[in-house]
Amino acid sequence: MNPSSSGFATMTRNCPIYPVIFVDAIVVKVRDGQVRNTPFYVVMGVTVHGERDILGIWAGDGAEGARFWLQVFTELKNRGVEDVFIAVCDGLKGLPEAINTTWERTVVQQCIVHLIRNSFRYAGRQHRDAIVKGLRPVYTAPSEAAARDRFAEFAAEWGGRYPAIVQLWENAWAEFVPFLEYDVEIRKVICTTNAIESINARYRRAVRARGHFPNEAAALKCLYLVTRSLDPTGGGRARWAIRWKPALNAFAITFAGRFDRTNH
């Protein structure tokens, strides 16, 4: 599917640099001969001032790959996004390659919360608390080497019972470890997609209220109207910017050469 024909842009300003972008999906029921679950991908960026921009929403078919994502990110670059420091996502196929083709210096970070949730698919409910406890030393490790040692301990304890969990983390390792190199304030904001999930919760409420949509265009219109109604007073934007100040200071130090370009 060509994302240009089924997506729309809601960029509120022409920001050339985003310290972080988040990519997440919501599932909407669309009638296309029969009712089917259609993923709609939301890309949200956080500006150098700590404000959130919804950069766009694109409809997919569940089989998106590098070509689809390259079209999405090329569109964003053509609209003026010159640089992205870190992209947080949930292991979507072809996405890392597309991001690095568009912005070669961008670090692709696996969402840790999603990685843990995906681990639960393979675990018995009675073991979930123990698995979270076993994984915590991995994703809070001070370095990649320490994380690898802690993961070896986790694999020794749980690999026999749940080998699929071990394989899941091994497959995601390259996108999991980047944030271990950063300041704790940066870790806080890039180890989860909570920043975008709060917005997705608003989308889901609107979607559930309507049941299903006759086509993708109707679903996109609904999501667009929800986007336009977010934070009408601006109070949420101000509170969010304040919460992001510690992280933005850390970004300014870590990515000094690139961050300074925003002042020109």
C-alpha atoms as a PDB file:
ATOM      1  CA  MET A   1       0.000   0.000   0.000  1.00  0.00           C
ATOM      2  CA  ASN A   2       1.234   3.456  -0.867  1.00  0.00           C
ATOM      3  CA  PRO A   3       1.208   5.437   2.390  1.00  0.00           C
ATOM      4  CA  SER A   4       0.953   8.719   0.533  1.00  0.00           C
ATOM      5  CA  SER A   5      -2.534   7.810  -0.631  1.00  0.00           C
ATOM      6  CA  SER A   6      -3.831   6.827   2.784  1.00  0.00           C
ATOM      7  CA  GLY A   7      -1.957   9.023   5.224  1.00  0.00           C
ATOM      8  CA  PHE A   8      -2.127  12.632   6.196  1.00  0.00           C
ATOM      9  CA  ALA A   9       0.144  15.159   7.816  1.00  0.00           C
ATOM     10  CA  THR A  10      -0.783  17.170  10.878  1.00  0.00           C
ATOM     11  CA  MET A  11       2.591  18.800  11.487  1.00  0.00           C
ATOM     12  CA  THR A  12       1.894  21.991  13.400  1.00  0.00           C
ATOM     13  CA  ARG A  13       5.245  23.606  12.608  1.00  0.00           C
ATOM     14  CA  ASN A  14       8.167  23.062  10.286  1.00  0.00           C
ATOM     15  CA  CYS A  15      10.641  21.620  12.810  1.00  0.00           C
ATOM     16  CA  PRO A  16      13.904  20.540  11.184  1.00  0.00           C
ATOM     17  CA  ILE A  17      15.095  18.510  14.183  1.00  0.00           C
ATOM     18  CA  TYR A  18      13.345  16.091  16.522  1.00  0.00           C
ATOM     19  CA  PRO A  19      15.383  14.593  19.382  1.00  0.00           C
ATOM     20  CA  VAL A  20      12.916  11.684  19.496  1.00  0.00           C
ATOM     21  CA  ILE A  21      10.191  10.297  17.288  1.00  0.00           C
ATOM     22  CA  PHE A  22       7.839   7.532  18.383  1.00  0.00           C
ATOM     23  CA  VAL A  23       6.213   5.095  15.969  1.00  0.00           C
ATOM     24  CA  ASP A  24       3.239   3.099  17.200  1.00  0.00           C
ATOM     25  CA  ALA A  25       0.106   1.477  15.793  1.00  0.00           C
ATOM     26  CA  ILE A  26      -3.561   1.308  16.639  1.00  0.00           C
ATOM     27  CA  VAL A  27      -5.936  -1.261  15.139  1.00  0.00           C
ATOM     28  CA  VAL A  28      -9.195  -0.056  13.604  1.00  0.00           C
ATOM     29  CA  LYS A  29     -12.047  -2.152  12.188  1.00  0.00           C
ATOM     30  CA  VAL A  30     -12.644  -1.217   8.546  1.00  0.00           C
ATOM     31  CA  ARG A  31     -15.281  -2.744   6.237  1.00  0.00           C
ATOM     32  CA  ASP A  32     -13.642  -3.745   2.989  1.00  0.00           C
ATOM     33  CA  GLY A  33     -16.049  -6.330   1.664  1.00  0.00           C
ATOM     34  CA  GLN A  34     -15.881  -7.709   5.173  1.00  0.00           C
ATOM     35  CA  VAL A  35     -14.858  -6.128   8.445  1.00  0.00           C
ATOM     36  CA  ARG A  36     -11.119  -6.486   8.999  1.00  0.00           C
ATOM     37  CA  ASN A  37      -8.598  -5.170  11.475  1.00  0.00           C
ATOM     38  CA  THR A  38      -6.495  -2.451   9.848  1.00  0.00           C
ATOM     39  CA  PRO A  39      -3.369  -1.015  11.496  1.00  0.00           C
ATOM     40  CA  PHE A  40      -3.004   2.759  11.459  1.00  0.00           C
ATOM     41  CA  TYR A  41       0.531   3.914  12.196  1.00  0.00           C
ATOM     42  CA  VAL A  42       1.053   7.095  14.184  1.00  0.00           C
ATOM     43  CA  VAL A  43       4.351   8.990  14.091  1.00  0.00           C
ATOM     44  CA  MET A  44       4.838  11.514  16.861  1.00  0.00           C
ATOM     45  CA  GLY A  45       7.866  13.743  17.328  1.00  0.00           C
ATOM     46  CA  VAL A  46       9.106  15.626  20.386  1.00  0.00           C
ATOM     47  CA  THR A  47      10.619  18.990  19.532  1.00  0.00           C
ATOM     48  CA  VAL A  48      13.732  20.574  21.023  1.00  0.00           C
ATOM     49  CA  HIS A  49      11.356  22.561  23.237  1.00  0.00           C
ATOM     50  CA  GLY A  50       9.674  19.423  24.619  1.00  0.00           C
ATOM     51  CA  GLU A  51       6.447  19.834  22.643  1.00  0.00           C
ATOM     52  CA  ARG A  52       4.706  16.938  20.907  1.00  0.00           C
ATOM     53  CA  ASP A  53       3.844  17.013  17.198  1.00  0.00           C
ATOM     54  CA  ILE A  54       1.719  14.393  15.484  1.00  0.00           C
ATOM     55  CA  LEU A  55       3.624  14.140  12.218  1.00  0.00           C
ATOM     56  CA  GLY A  56       1.164  11.889  10.468  1.00  0.00           C
ATOM     57  CA  ILE A  57      -1.024   8.800  10.434  1.00  0.00           C
ATOM     58  CA  TRP A  58      -0.801   6.138   7.732  1.00  0.00           C
ATOM     59  CA  ALA A  59      -3.032   3.144   7.043  1.00  0.00           C
ATOM     60  CA  GLY A  60      -1.384  -0.207   6.438  1.00  0.00           C
ATOM     61  CA  ASP A  61      -2.473  -3.741   5.754  1.00  0.00           C
ATOM     62  CA  GLY A  62      -0.424  -5.552   8.400  1.00  0.00           C
ATOM     63  CA  ALA A  63       2.281  -6.652   5.978  1.00  0.00           C
ATOM     64  CA  GLU A  64       4.290  -3.430   5.828  1.00  0.00           C
ATOM     65  CA  GLY A  65       7.982  -3.660   5.086  1.00  0.00           C
ATOM     66  CA  ALA A  66      10.976  -1.480   4.310  1.00  0.00           C
ATOM     67  CA  ARG A  67       9.407   0.006   1.168  1.00  0.00           C
ATOM     68  CA  PHE A  68       6.320   1.206   3.033  1.00  0.00           C
ATOM     69  CA  TRP A  69       8.387   2.762   5.827  1.00  0.00           C
ATOM     70  CA  LEU A  70      10.835   4.352   3.415  1.00  0.00           C
ATOM     71  CA  GLN A  71       7.918   6.150   1.751  1.00  0.00           C
ATOM     72  CA  VAL A  72       6.646   7.342   5.135  1.00  0.00           C
ATOM     73  CA  PHE A  73       9.986   8.702   6.319  1.00  0.00           C
ATOM     74  CA  THR A  74      10.904  10.140   2.934  1.00  0.00           C
ATOM     75  CA  GLU A  75       7.638  12.087   3.041  1.00  0.00           C
ATOM     76  CA  LEU A  76       8.556  13.466   6.478  1.00  0.00           C
ATOM     77  CA  LYS A  77      12.034  14.422   5.268  1.00  0.00           C
ATOM     78  CA  ASN A  78      10.582  16.131   2.198  1.00  0.00           C
ATOM     79  CA  ARG A  79       8.309  18.106   4.523  1.00  0.00           C
ATOM     80  CA  GLY A  80      11.300  19.517   6.367  1.00  0.00           C
ATOM     81  CA  VAL A  81      12.415  16.994   9.016  1.00  0.00           C
ATOM     82  CA  GLU A  82      16.175  17.126   8.537  1.00  0.00           C
ATOM     83  CA  ASP A  83      17.382  15.111  11.532  1.00  0.00           C
ATOM     84  CA  VAL A  84      16.083  12.660  14.137  1.00  0.00           C
ATOM     85  CA  PHE A  85      18.333  11.588  16.999  1.00  0.00           C
ATOM     86  CA  ILE A  86      16.440   8.526  18.261  1.00  0.00           C
ATOM     87  CA  ALA A  87      13.446   6.654  16.852  1.00  0.00           C
ATOM     88  CA  VAL A  88      11.496   4.513  19.323  1.00  0.00           C
ATOM     89  CA  CYS A  89       9.386   1.724  17.859  1.00  0.00           C
ATOM     90  CA  ASP A  90       8.097  -1.789  18.440  1.00  0.00           C
ATOM     91  CA  GLY A  91      10.198  -3.988  16.173  1.00  0.00           C
ATOM     92  CA  LEU A  92       8.223  -3.227  13.008  1.00  0.00           C
ATOM     93  CA  LYS A  93       9.594  -5.102   9.997  1.00  0.00           C
ATOM     94  CA  GLY A  94      11.774  -3.036   7.711  1.00  0.00           C
ATOM     95  CA  LEU A  95      11.524   0.082   9.859  1.00  0.00           C
ATOM     96  CA  PRO A  96      15.159   0.319  11.089  1.00  0.00           C
ATOM     97  CA  GLU A  97      16.506   0.034   7.559  1.00  0.00           C
ATOM     98  CA  ALA A  98      14.090   2.678   6.273  1.00  0.00           C
ATOM     99  CA  ILE A  99      14.920   5.109   9.073  1.00  0.00           C
ATOM    100  CA  ASN A 100      18.655   4.808   8.542  1.00  0.00           C
ATOM    101  CA  THR A 101      18.242   5.223   4.800  1.00  0.00           C
ATOM    102  CA  THR A 102      16.363   8.469   5.446  1.00  0.00           C
ATOM    103  CA  TRP A 103      18.426   9.772   8.377  1.00  0.00           C
ATOM    104  CA  GLU A 104      21.665   7.807   8.507  1.00  0.00           C
ATOM    105  CA  ARG A 105      22.684   8.903  12.024  1.00  0.00           C
ATOM    106  CA  THR A 106      19.370   8.075  13.725  1.00  0.00           C
ATOM    107  CA  VAL A 107      19.502   5.453  16.491  1.00  0.00           C
ATOM    108  CA  VAL A 108      16.621   2.972  16.351  1.00  0.00           C
ATOM    109  CA  GLN A 109      15.469   1.966  19.829  1.00  0.00           C
ATOM    110  CA  GLN A 110      13.222  -0.974  20.629  1.00  0.00           C
ATOM    111  CA  CYS A 111      10.469  -0.025  23.067  1.00  0.00           C
ATOM    112  CA  ILE A 112      11.352  -1.881  26.276  1.00  0.00           C
ATOM    113  CA  VAL A 113       7.776  -1.997  27.576  1.00  0.00           C
ATOM    114  CA  HIS A 114       6.589  -3.603  24.345  1.00  0.00           C
ATOM    115  CA  LEU A 115       9.472  -6.061  24.468  1.00  0.00           C
ATOM    116  CA  ILE A 116       8.426  -7.135  27.959  1.00  0.00           C
ATOM    117  CA  ARG A 117       4.771  -7.366  26.918  1.00  0.00           C
ATOM    118  CA  ASN A 118       5.719  -9.491  23.939  1.00  0.00           C
ATOM    119  CA  SER A 119       7.637 -11.774  26.301  1.00  0.00           C
ATOM    120  CA  PHE A 120       4.394 -12.446  28.146  1.00  0.00           C
ATOM    121  CA  ARG A 121       2.939 -14.102  25.045  1.00  0.00           C
ATOM    122  CA  TYR A 122       5.176 -17.089  25.721  1.00  0.00           C
ATOM    123  CA  ALA A 123       4.993 -17.169  29.522  1.00  0.00           C
ATOM    124  CA  GLY A 124       2.504 -18.712  31.876  1.00  0.00           C
ATOM    125  CA  ARG A 125       0.564 -16.149  33.867  1.00  0.00           C
ATOM    126  CA  GLN A 126       1.922 -17.570  37.117  1.00  0.00           C
ATOM    127  CA  HIS A 127       5.503 -16.756  35.999  1.00  0.00           C
ATOM    128  CA  ARG A 128       5.039 -13.211  34.698  1.00  0.00           C
ATOM    129  CA  ASP A 129       6.069 -11.405  37.880  1.00  0.00           C
ATOM    130  CA  ALA A 130       9.186 -13.549  38.168  1.00  0.00           C
ATOM    131  CA  ILE A 131      10.079 -12.934  34.525  1.00  0.00           C
ATOM    132  CA  VAL A 132       9.742  -9.158  34.951  1.00  0.00           C
ATOM    133  CA  LYS A 133      11.954  -9.384  38.025  1.00  0.00           C
ATOM    134  CA  GLY A 134      14.514 -11.418  36.065  1.00  0.00           C
ATOM    135  CA  LEU A 135      14.542  -8.991  33.133  1.00  0.00           C
ATOM    136  CA  ARG A 136      14.777  -5.796  35.182  1.00  0.00           C
ATOM    137  CA  PRO A 137      18.566  -6.140  35.776  1.00  0.00           C
ATOM    138  CA  VAL A 138      18.963  -6.507  31.999  1.00  0.00           C
ATOM    139  CA  TYR A 139      17.258  -3.277  30.942  1.00  0.00           C
ATOM    140  CA  THR A 140      18.559  -1.273  33.922  1.00  0.00           C
ATOM    141  CA  ALA A 141      22.171  -2.401  33.485  1.00  0.00           C
ATOM    142  CA  PRO A 142      24.835   0.332  33.443  1.00  0.00           C
ATOM    143  CA  SER A 143      26.362  -0.919  30.173  1.00  0.00           C
ATOM    144  CA  GLU A 144      25.796  -3.345  27.326  1.00  0.00           C
ATOM    145  CA  ALA A 145      28.405  -5.740  28.740  1.00  0.00           C
ATOM    146  CA  ALA A 146      26.614  -5.806  32.094  1.00  0.00           C
ATOM    147  CA  ALA A 147      23.265  -6.238  30.321  1.00  0.00           C
ATOM    148  CA  ARG A 148      24.673  -9.204  28.396  1.00  0.00           C
ATOM    149  CA  ASP A 149      25.852 -10.825  31.646  1.00  0.00           C
ATOM    150  CA  ARG A 150      22.471 -10.293  33.312  1.00  0.00           C
ATOM    151  CA  PHE A 151      20.711 -11.672  30.244  1.00  0.00           C
ATOM    152  CA  ALA A 152      22.881 -14.784  30.345  1.00  0.00           C
ATOM    153  CA  GLU A 153      21.721 -15.301  33.927  1.00  0.00           C
ATOM    154  CA  PHE A 154      18.093 -14.824  32.855  1.00  0.00           C
ATOM    155  CA  ALA A 155      18.534 -17.303  29.985  1.00  0.00           C
ATOM    156  CA  ALA A 156      20.098 -19.869  32.303  1.00  0.00           C
ATOM    157  CA  GLU A 157      17.106 -19.621  34.649  1.00  0.00           C
ATOM    158  CA  TRP A 158      14.245 -19.383  32.130  1.00  0.00           C
ATOM    159  CA  GLY A 159      15.623 -20.562  28.787  1.00  0.00           C
ATOM    160  CA  GLY A 160      14.739 -24.185  29.391  1.00  0.00           C
ATOM    161  CA  ARG A 161      11.093 -23.423  30.169  1.00  0.00           C
ATOM    162  CA  TYR A 162      10.601 -20.481  27.789  1.00  0.00           C
ATOM    163  CA  PRO A 163      13.189 -20.592  24.970  1.00  0.00           C
ATOM    164  CA  ALA A 164      10.980 -18.336  22.804  1.00  0.00           C
ATOM    165  CA  ILE A 165      11.447 -15.455  25.276  1.00  0.00           C
ATOM    166  CA  VAL A 166      15.217 -15.821  25.093  1.00  0.00           C
ATOM    167  CA  GLN A 167      15.077 -15.876  21.301  1.00  0.00           C
ATOM    168  CA  LEU A 168      12.786 -12.811  21.271  1.00  0.00           C
ATOM    169  CA  TRP A 169      15.324 -10.745  23.237  1.00  0.00           C
ATOM    170  CA  GLU A 170      18.276 -12.053  21.236  1.00  0.00           C
ATOM    171  CA  ASN A 171      16.563 -11.091  17.965  1.00  0.00           C
ATOM    172  CA  ALA A 172      15.784  -7.605  19.319  1.00  0.00           C
ATOM    173  CA  TRP A 173      19.165  -7.089  21.000  1.00  0.00           C
ATOM    174  CA  ALA A 174      20.608  -4.679  18.410  1.00  0.00           C
ATOM    175  CA  GLU A 175      17.598  -2.371  18.799  1.00  0.00           C
ATOM    176  CA  PHE A 176      17.377  -2.933  22.572  1.00  0.00           C
ATOM    177  CA  VAL A 177      20.847  -1.886  23.735  1.00  0.00           C
ATOM    178  CA  PRO A 178      21.348   1.655  22.302  1.00  0.00           C
ATOM    179  CA  PHE A 179      19.677   3.432  25.230  1.00  0.00           C
ATOM    180  CA  LEU A 180      22.105   1.810  27.706  1.00  0.00           C
ATOM    181  CA  GLU A 181      24.727   4.264  26.446  1.00  0.00           C
ATOM    182  CA  TYR A 182      22.713   7.310  27.454  1.00  0.00           C
ATOM    183  CA  ASP A 183      22.078   9.430  30.525  1.00  0.00           C
ATOM    184  CA  VAL A 184      19.331   8.200  32.851  1.00  0.00           C
ATOM    185  CA  GLU A 185      17.063  11.098  31.830  1.00  0.00           C
ATOM    186  CA  ILE A 186      17.269  10.042  28.190  1.00  0.00           C
ATOM    187  CA  ARG A 187      16.670   6.427  29.176  1.00  0.00           C
ATOM    188  CA  LYS A 188      13.458   7.408  30.920  1.00  0.00           C
ATOM    189  CA  VAL A 189      11.908   8.861  27.781  1.00  0.00           C
ATOM    190  CA  ILE A 190      13.142   6.407  25.151  1.00  0.00           C
ATOM    191  CA  CYS A 191      12.637   3.070  26.899  1.00  0.00           C
ATOM    192  CA  THR A 192       8.854   3.262  26.441  1.00  0.00           C
ATOM    193  CA  THR A 193       6.286   4.587  24.003  1.00  0.00           C
ATOM    194  CA  ASN A 194       4.135   6.043  26.795  1.00  0.00           C
ATOM    195  CA  ALA A 195       4.498   9.454  25.171  1.00  0.00           C
ATOM    196  CA  ILE A 196       2.459   8.294  22.200  1.00  0.00           C
ATOM    197  CA  GLU A 197       0.323   5.680  23.942  1.00  0.00           C
ATOM    198  CA  SER A 198      -1.532   8.357  25.911  1.00  0.00           C
ATOM    199  CA  ILE A 199      -2.577   9.867  22.581  1.00  0.00           C
ATOM    200  CA  ASN A 200      -3.449   6.441  21.189  1.00  0.00           C
ATOM    201  CA  ALA A 201      -5.796   5.951  24.137  1.00  0.00           C
ATOM    202  CA  ARG A 202      -7.784   8.944  22.876  1.00  0.00           C
ATOM    203  CA  TYR A 203      -7.858   7.475  19.390  1.00  0.00           C
ATOM    204  CA  ARG A 204      -9.057   4.119  20.694  1.00  0.00           C
ATOM    205  CA  ARG A 205     -11.935   5.663  22.634  1.00  0.00           C
ATOM    206  CA  ALA A 206     -13.128   7.461  19.512  1.00  0.00           C
ATOM    207  CA  VAL A 207     -12.772   4.329  17.387  1.00  0.00           C
ATOM    208  CA  ARG A 208     -14.652   2.110  19.852  1.00  0.00           C
ATOM    209  CA  ALA A 209     -17.519   4.603  19.990  1.00  0.00           C
ATOM    210  CA  ARG A 210     -18.042   4.159  16.238  1.00  0.00           C
ATOM    211  CA  GLY A 211     -17.616   0.394  15.987  1.00  0.00           C
ATOM    212  CA  HIS A 212     -16.253   0.023  12.470  1.00  0.00           C
ATOM    213  CA  PHE A 213     -15.740   2.338   9.493  1.00  0.00           C
ATOM    214  CA  PRO A 214     -16.942   1.950   5.892  1.00  0.00           C
ATOM    215  CA  ASN A 215     -13.454   2.607   4.502  1.00  0.00           C
ATOM    216  CA  GLU A 216      -9.958   3.788   5.414  1.00  0.00           C
ATOM    217  CA  ALA A 217     -10.711   7.391   4.509  1.00  0.00           C
ATOM    218  CA  ALA A 218     -13.528   7.523   7.077  1.00  0.00           C
ATOM    219  CA  ALA A 219     -11.253   6.058   9.741  1.00  0.00           C
ATOM    220  CA  LEU A 220      -8.494   8.554   8.921  1.00  0.00           C
ATOM    221  CA  LYS A 221     -10.964  11.420   9.125  1.00  0.00           C
ATOM    222  CA  CYS A 222     -12.019  10.285  12.602  1.00  0.00           C
ATOM    223  CA  LEU A 223      -8.389  10.053  13.765  1.00  0.00           C
ATOM    224  CA  TYR A 224      -7.643  13.438  12.222  1.00  0.00           C
ATOM    225  CA  LEU A 225     -10.530  15.089  14.084  1.00  0.00           C
ATOM    226  CA  VAL A 226      -9.355  13.525  17.346  1.00  0.00           C
ATOM    227  CA  THR A 227      -5.862  14.873  16.655  1.00  0.00           C
ATOM    228  CA  ARG A 228      -7.218  18.354  16.051  1.00  0.00           C
ATOM    229  CA  SER A 229      -9.113  18.246  19.346  1.00  0.00           C
ATOM    230  CA  LEU A 230      -6.121  17.272  21.480  1.00  0.00           C
ATOM    231  CA  ASP A 231      -5.166  19.773  24.194  1.00  0.00           C
ATOM    232  CA  PRO A 232      -7.418  22.674  23.107  1.00  0.00           C
ATOM    233  CA  THR A 233      -6.211  25.000  25.898  1.00  0.00           C
ATOM    234  CA  GLY A 234      -2.493  24.270  25.501  1.00  0.00           C
ATOM    235  CA  GLY A 235      -2.166  23.335  29.178  1.00  0.00           C
ATOM    236  CA  GLY A 236      -1.111  19.780  28.373  1.00  0.00           C
ATOM    237  CA  ARG A 237       1.589  20.991  25.995  1.00  0.00           C
ATOM    238  CA  ALA A 238       3.009  23.267  28.695  1.00  0.00           C
ATOM    239  CA  ARG A 239       3.020  20.516  31.350  1.00  0.00           C
ATOM    240  CA  TRP A 240       4.606  18.076  28.925  1.00  0.00           C
ATOM    241  CA  ALA A 241       7.369  20.523  28.012  1.00  0.00           C
ATOM    242  CA  ILE A 242       8.220  21.014  31.690  1.00  0.00           C
ATOM    243  CA  ARG A 243       8.469  17.243  32.253  1.00  0.00           C
ATOM    244  CA  TRP A 244      10.826  16.930  29.289  1.00  0.00           C
ATOM    245  CA  LYS A 245      13.311  19.589  30.440  1.00  0.00           C
ATOM    246  CA  PRO A 246      15.740  17.176  32.176  1.00  0.00           C
ATOM    247  CA  ALA A 247      15.780  14.889  29.134  1.00  0.00           C
ATOM    248  CA  LEU A 248      16.238  17.777  26.721  1.00  0.00           C
ATOM    249  CA  ASN A 249      19.223  19.030  28.712  1.00  0.00           C
ATOM    250  CA  ALA A 250      20.724  15.548  28.462  1.00  0.00           C
ATOM    251  CA  PHE A 251      20.023  15.458  24.711  1.00  0.00           C
ATOM    252  CA  ALA A 252      21.705  18.853  24.314  1.00  0.00           C
ATOM    253  CA  ILE A 253      24.882  17.453  25.874  1.00  0.00           C
ATOM    254  CA  THR A 254      24.839  14.018  24.229  1.00  0.00           C
ATOM    255  CA  PHE A 255      24.016  15.320  20.745  1.00  0.00           C
ATOM    256  CA  ALA A 256      25.713  18.709  21.138  1.00  0.00           C
ATOM    257  CA  GLY A 257      26.846  19.177  17.552  1.00  0.00           C
ATOM    258  CA  ARG A 258      23.472  18.276  16.105  1.00  0.00           C
ATOM    259  CA  PHE A 259      21.342  19.872  18.817  1.00  0.00           C
ATOM    260  CA  ASP A 260      23.117  23.227  18.437  1.00  0.00           C
ATOM    261  CA  ARG A 261      21.883  23.464  14.847  1.00  0.00           C
ATOM    262  CA  THR A 262      18.427  24.244  16.231  1.00  0.00           C
ATOM    263  CA  ASN A 263      19.685  27.618  17.426  1.00  0.00           C
ATOM    264  CA  HIS A 264      20.642  28.821  13.954  1.00  0.00           C
END
